[in-house]
Amino acid sequence: MAENHAEKRIIELLEKSPEGLQSEEIAANLGLTRHTVAKYLEVLRAKNKIHYRKVGRTKLWKTLFADIHIRPLEKGDVDT
């Protein structure tokens, strides 16, 4: 299923914020209502594009792979 323009903008914004953003922050940055953003966040979550982490009563939204860090292999990482 193709992403629409709002979904792409949300993903692009979240990719620039690896620590995560609240829905209110996303709405303010994109000039959308909080209700509209909440709808798209749930759509993107259902598509496994994003996830959230609860901090108290707040949800911090992130791209699915925001917490993954790739590093080069070092000697001793792999048995030979």
N, C-alpha and C. Protein backbone atom coordinates (compact mmCIF):
# COMPACT_ATOMS: atom_id res chain seq x y z
N MET A 1 0.85 -1.18 0.00
CA MET A 1 0.00 0.00 0.00
C MET A 1 0.90 1.24 0.00
N ALA A 2 0.60 2.16 -0.84
CA ALA A 2 1.41 3.38 -0.99
C ALA A 2 1.17 4.33 0.18
N GLU A 3 2.21 5.04 0.56
CA GLU A 3 2.10 6.05 1.60
C GLU A 3 1.62 7.35 0.97
N ASN A 4 0.82 8.10 1.72
CA ASN A 4 0.43 9.41 1.20
C ASN A 4 1.43 10.47 1.66
N HIS A 5 1.21 11.67 1.24
CA HIS A 5 2.16 12.77 1.51
C HIS A 5 2.34 13.00 3.02
N ALA A 6 1.26 12.99 3.78
CA ALA A 6 1.36 13.24 5.22
C ALA A 6 2.16 12.14 5.91
N GLU A 7 1.96 10.89 5.50
CA GLU A 7 2.71 9.78 6.09
C GLU A 7 4.20 9.93 5.81
N LYS A 8 4.54 10.30 4.59
CA LYS A 8 5.95 10.50 4.24
C LYS A 8 6.57 11.62 5.07
N ARG A 9 5.83 12.71 5.25
CA ARG A 9 6.34 13.84 6.03
C ARG A 9 6.57 13.44 7.49
N ILE A 10 5.66 12.66 8.04
CA ILE A 10 5.80 12.21 9.42
C ILE A 10 7.04 11.33 9.56
N ILE A 11 7.22 10.38 8.65
CA ILE A 11 8.39 9.50 8.70
C ILE A 11 9.67 10.30 8.56
N GLU A 12 9.71 11.24 7.63
CA GLU A 12 10.91 12.08 7.45
C GLU A 12 11.23 12.86 8.72
N LEU A 13 10.21 13.40 9.37
CA LEU A 13 10.42 14.15 10.61
C LEU A 13 10.94 13.23 11.71
N LEU A 14 10.36 12.04 11.84
CA LEU A 14 10.79 11.11 12.88
C LEU A 14 12.21 10.61 12.63
N GLU A 15 12.59 10.47 11.37
CA GLU A 15 13.96 10.04 11.05
C GLU A 15 14.98 11.08 11.50
N LYS A 16 14.58 12.34 11.55
CA LYS A 16 15.47 13.42 12.00
C LYS A 16 15.49 13.54 13.52
N SER A 17 14.63 12.79 14.19
CA SER A 17 14.51 12.88 15.65
C SER A 17 14.59 11.49 16.26
N PRO A 18 15.79 10.90 16.30
CA PRO A 18 15.91 9.52 16.78
C PRO A 18 15.48 9.32 18.23
N GLU A 19 15.45 10.40 19.02
CA GLU A 19 15.01 10.28 20.41
C GLU A 19 13.49 10.17 20.52
N GLY A 20 12.78 10.47 19.43
CA GLY A 20 11.33 10.36 19.40
C GLY A 20 10.65 11.71 19.59
N LEU A 21 9.41 11.78 19.14
CA LEU A 21 8.62 13.01 19.26
C LEU A 21 7.21 12.68 19.74
N GLN A 22 6.62 13.60 20.48
CA GLN A 22 5.22 13.48 20.87
C GLN A 22 4.34 13.87 19.69
N SER A 23 3.11 13.40 19.69
CA SER A 23 2.20 13.73 18.58
C SER A 23 1.99 15.23 18.47
N GLU A 24 1.97 15.94 19.60
CA GLU A 24 1.80 17.39 19.57
C GLU A 24 2.97 18.07 18.87
N GLU A 25 4.18 17.56 19.10
CA GLU A 25 5.37 18.12 18.44
C GLU A 25 5.34 17.86 16.94
N ILE A 26 4.90 16.68 16.57
CA ILE A 26 4.79 16.34 15.14
C ILE A 26 3.78 17.27 14.48
N ALA A 27 2.62 17.44 15.12
CA ALA A 27 1.58 18.31 14.57
C ALA A 27 2.09 19.74 14.40
N ALA A 28 2.78 20.26 15.40
CA ALA A 28 3.30 21.63 15.33
C ALA A 28 4.33 21.78 14.22
N ASN A 29 5.21 20.81 14.07
CA ASN A 29 6.25 20.86 13.04
C ASN A 29 5.69 20.78 11.63
N LEU A 30 4.60 20.03 11.46
CA LEU A 30 4.06 19.80 10.12
C LEU A 30 2.86 20.68 9.80
N GLY A 31 2.39 21.45 10.76
CA GLY A 31 1.24 22.32 10.52
C GLY A 31 -0.05 21.54 10.35
N LEU A 32 -0.17 20.42 11.06
CA LEU A 32 -1.37 19.59 11.01
C LEU A 32 -2.02 19.60 12.39
N THR A 33 -3.28 19.19 12.46
CA THR A 33 -3.94 19.09 13.76
C THR A 33 -3.45 17.84 14.48
N ARG A 34 -3.54 17.86 15.80
CA ARG A 34 -3.13 16.70 16.60
C ARG A 34 -3.98 15.48 16.24
N HIS A 35 -5.26 15.70 15.98
CA HIS A 35 -6.15 14.60 15.61
C HIS A 35 -5.72 13.95 14.30
N THR A 36 -5.37 14.75 13.31
CA THR A 36 -4.92 14.23 12.01
C THR A 36 -3.62 13.45 12.18
N VAL A 37 -2.69 14.00 12.95
CA VAL A 37 -1.42 13.32 13.19
C VAL A 37 -1.65 11.99 13.91
N ALA A 38 -2.53 11.99 14.91
CA ALA A 38 -2.82 10.75 15.65
C ALA A 38 -3.34 9.67 14.71
N LYS A 39 -4.19 10.05 13.76
CA LYS A 39 -4.71 9.09 12.79
C LYS A 39 -3.59 8.49 11.96
N TYR A 40 -2.71 9.34 11.43
CA TYR A 40 -1.62 8.85 10.59
C TYR A 40 -0.59 8.06 11.39
N LEU A 41 -0.36 8.42 12.65
CA LEU A 41 0.57 7.65 13.48
C LEU A 41 0.06 6.23 13.66
N GLU A 42 -1.23 6.08 13.89
CA GLU A 42 -1.79 4.73 14.05
C GLU A 42 -1.74 3.94 12.74
N VAL A 43 -1.97 4.62 11.62
CA VAL A 43 -1.87 3.95 10.31
C VAL A 43 -0.44 3.48 10.08
N LEU A 44 0.54 4.34 10.35
CA LEU A 44 1.94 3.97 10.16
C LEU A 44 2.36 2.87 11.12
N ARG A 45 1.83 2.88 12.33
CA ARG A 45 2.13 1.82 13.29
C ARG A 45 1.57 0.49 12.80
N ALA A 46 0.37 0.51 12.25
CA ALA A 46 -0.25 -0.71 11.71
C ALA A 46 0.55 -1.26 10.52
N LYS A 47 1.22 -0.37 9.79
CA LYS A 47 2.06 -0.78 8.66
C LYS A 47 3.47 -1.18 9.10
N ASN A 48 3.71 -1.19 10.41
CA ASN A 48 5.03 -1.50 10.99
C ASN A 48 6.13 -0.57 10.50
N LYS A 49 5.80 0.70 10.33
CA LYS A 49 6.79 1.71 9.92
C LYS A 49 7.33 2.47 11.13
N ILE A 50 6.51 2.59 12.18
CA ILE A 50 6.89 3.33 13.38
C ILE A 50 6.41 2.58 14.61
N HIS A 51 6.91 3.00 15.76
CA HIS A 51 6.45 2.48 17.04
C HIS A 51 6.55 3.60 18.07
N TYR A 52 6.05 3.33 19.26
CA TYR A 52 6.15 4.34 20.31
C TYR A 52 6.65 3.71 21.60
N ARG A 53 7.17 4.58 22.44
CA ARG A 53 7.63 4.19 23.78
C ARG A 53 6.89 5.09 24.75
N LYS A 54 6.29 4.49 25.77
CA LYS A 54 5.56 5.29 26.76
C LYS A 54 6.52 5.84 27.80
N VAL A 55 6.41 7.13 28.03
CA VAL A 55 7.15 7.81 29.09
C VAL A 55 6.10 8.49 29.95
N GLY A 56 5.77 7.86 31.06
CA GLY A 56 4.65 8.36 31.86
C GLY A 56 3.37 8.17 31.06
N ARG A 57 2.63 9.25 30.86
CA ARG A 57 1.40 9.19 30.06
C ARG A 57 1.64 9.58 28.61
N THR A 58 2.88 9.91 28.27
CA THR A 58 3.21 10.40 26.94
C THR A 58 3.74 9.28 26.06
N LYS A 59 3.39 9.33 24.78
CA LYS A 59 3.95 8.40 23.80
C LYS A 59 5.01 9.15 23.00
N LEU A 60 6.22 8.58 22.95
CA LEU A 60 7.27 9.11 22.10
C LEU A 60 7.34 8.24 20.86
N TRP A 61 7.02 8.83 19.72
CA TRP A 61 6.98 8.10 18.45
C TRP A 61 8.34 8.11 17.78
N LYS A 62 8.72 6.94 17.21
CA LYS A 62 10.01 6.80 16.53
C LYS A 62 9.82 5.93 15.30
N THR A 63 10.77 6.06 14.37
CA THR A 63 10.76 5.11 13.26
C THR A 63 11.15 3.75 13.82
N LEU A 64 10.76 2.71 13.13
CA LEU A 64 10.95 1.36 13.65
C LEU A 64 12.41 1.03 13.92
N PHE A 65 13.32 1.55 13.12
CA PHE A 65 14.72 1.20 13.27
C PHE A 65 15.56 2.31 13.90
N ALA A 66 14.93 3.25 14.58
CA ALA A 66 15.65 4.39 15.17
C ALA A 66 16.64 3.95 16.24
N ASP A 67 16.36 2.83 16.91
CA ASP A 67 17.21 2.38 18.01
C ASP A 67 18.30 1.42 17.56
N ILE A 68 18.38 1.12 16.28
CA ILE A 68 19.38 0.18 15.77
C ILE A 68 20.61 0.95 15.33
N HIS A 69 21.75 0.52 15.83
CA HIS A 69 23.02 1.14 15.47
C HIS A 69 23.91 0.08 14.82
N ILE A 70 24.41 0.36 13.65
CA ILE A 70 25.26 -0.57 12.92
C ILE A 70 26.71 -0.16 13.13
N ARG A 71 27.54 -1.13 13.45
CA ARG A 71 28.96 -0.86 13.64
C ARG A 71 29.75 -1.92 12.89
N PRO A 72 30.98 -1.62 12.53
CA PRO A 72 31.81 -2.61 11.84
C PRO A 72 32.17 -3.75 12.79
N LEU A 73 32.34 -4.92 12.21
CA LEU A 73 32.79 -6.06 13.00
C LEU A 73 34.21 -5.82 13.48
N GLU A 74 34.48 -6.31 14.67
CA GLU A 74 35.82 -6.20 15.22
C GLU A 74 36.36 -7.61 15.45
N LYS A 75 37.66 -7.70 15.54
CA LYS A 75 38.30 -8.99 15.80
C LYS A 75 37.72 -9.55 17.09
N GLY A 76 37.34 -10.79 17.06
CA GLY A 76 36.76 -11.42 18.24
C GLY A 76 35.24 -11.42 18.23
N ASP A 77 34.60 -10.68 17.30
CA ASP A 77 33.14 -10.68 17.21
C ASP A 77 32.61 -11.99 16.63
N VAL A 78 33.41 -12.63 15.77
CA VAL A 78 32.96 -13.83 15.06
C VAL A 78 33.95 -14.95 15.32
N ASP A 79 33.43 -16.13 15.65
CA ASP A 79 34.30 -17.30 15.80
C ASP A 79 34.74 -17.77 14.43
N THR A 80 36.02 -18.10 14.29
CA THR A 80 36.52 -18.61 13.00
C THR A 80 36.97 -20.04 13.12
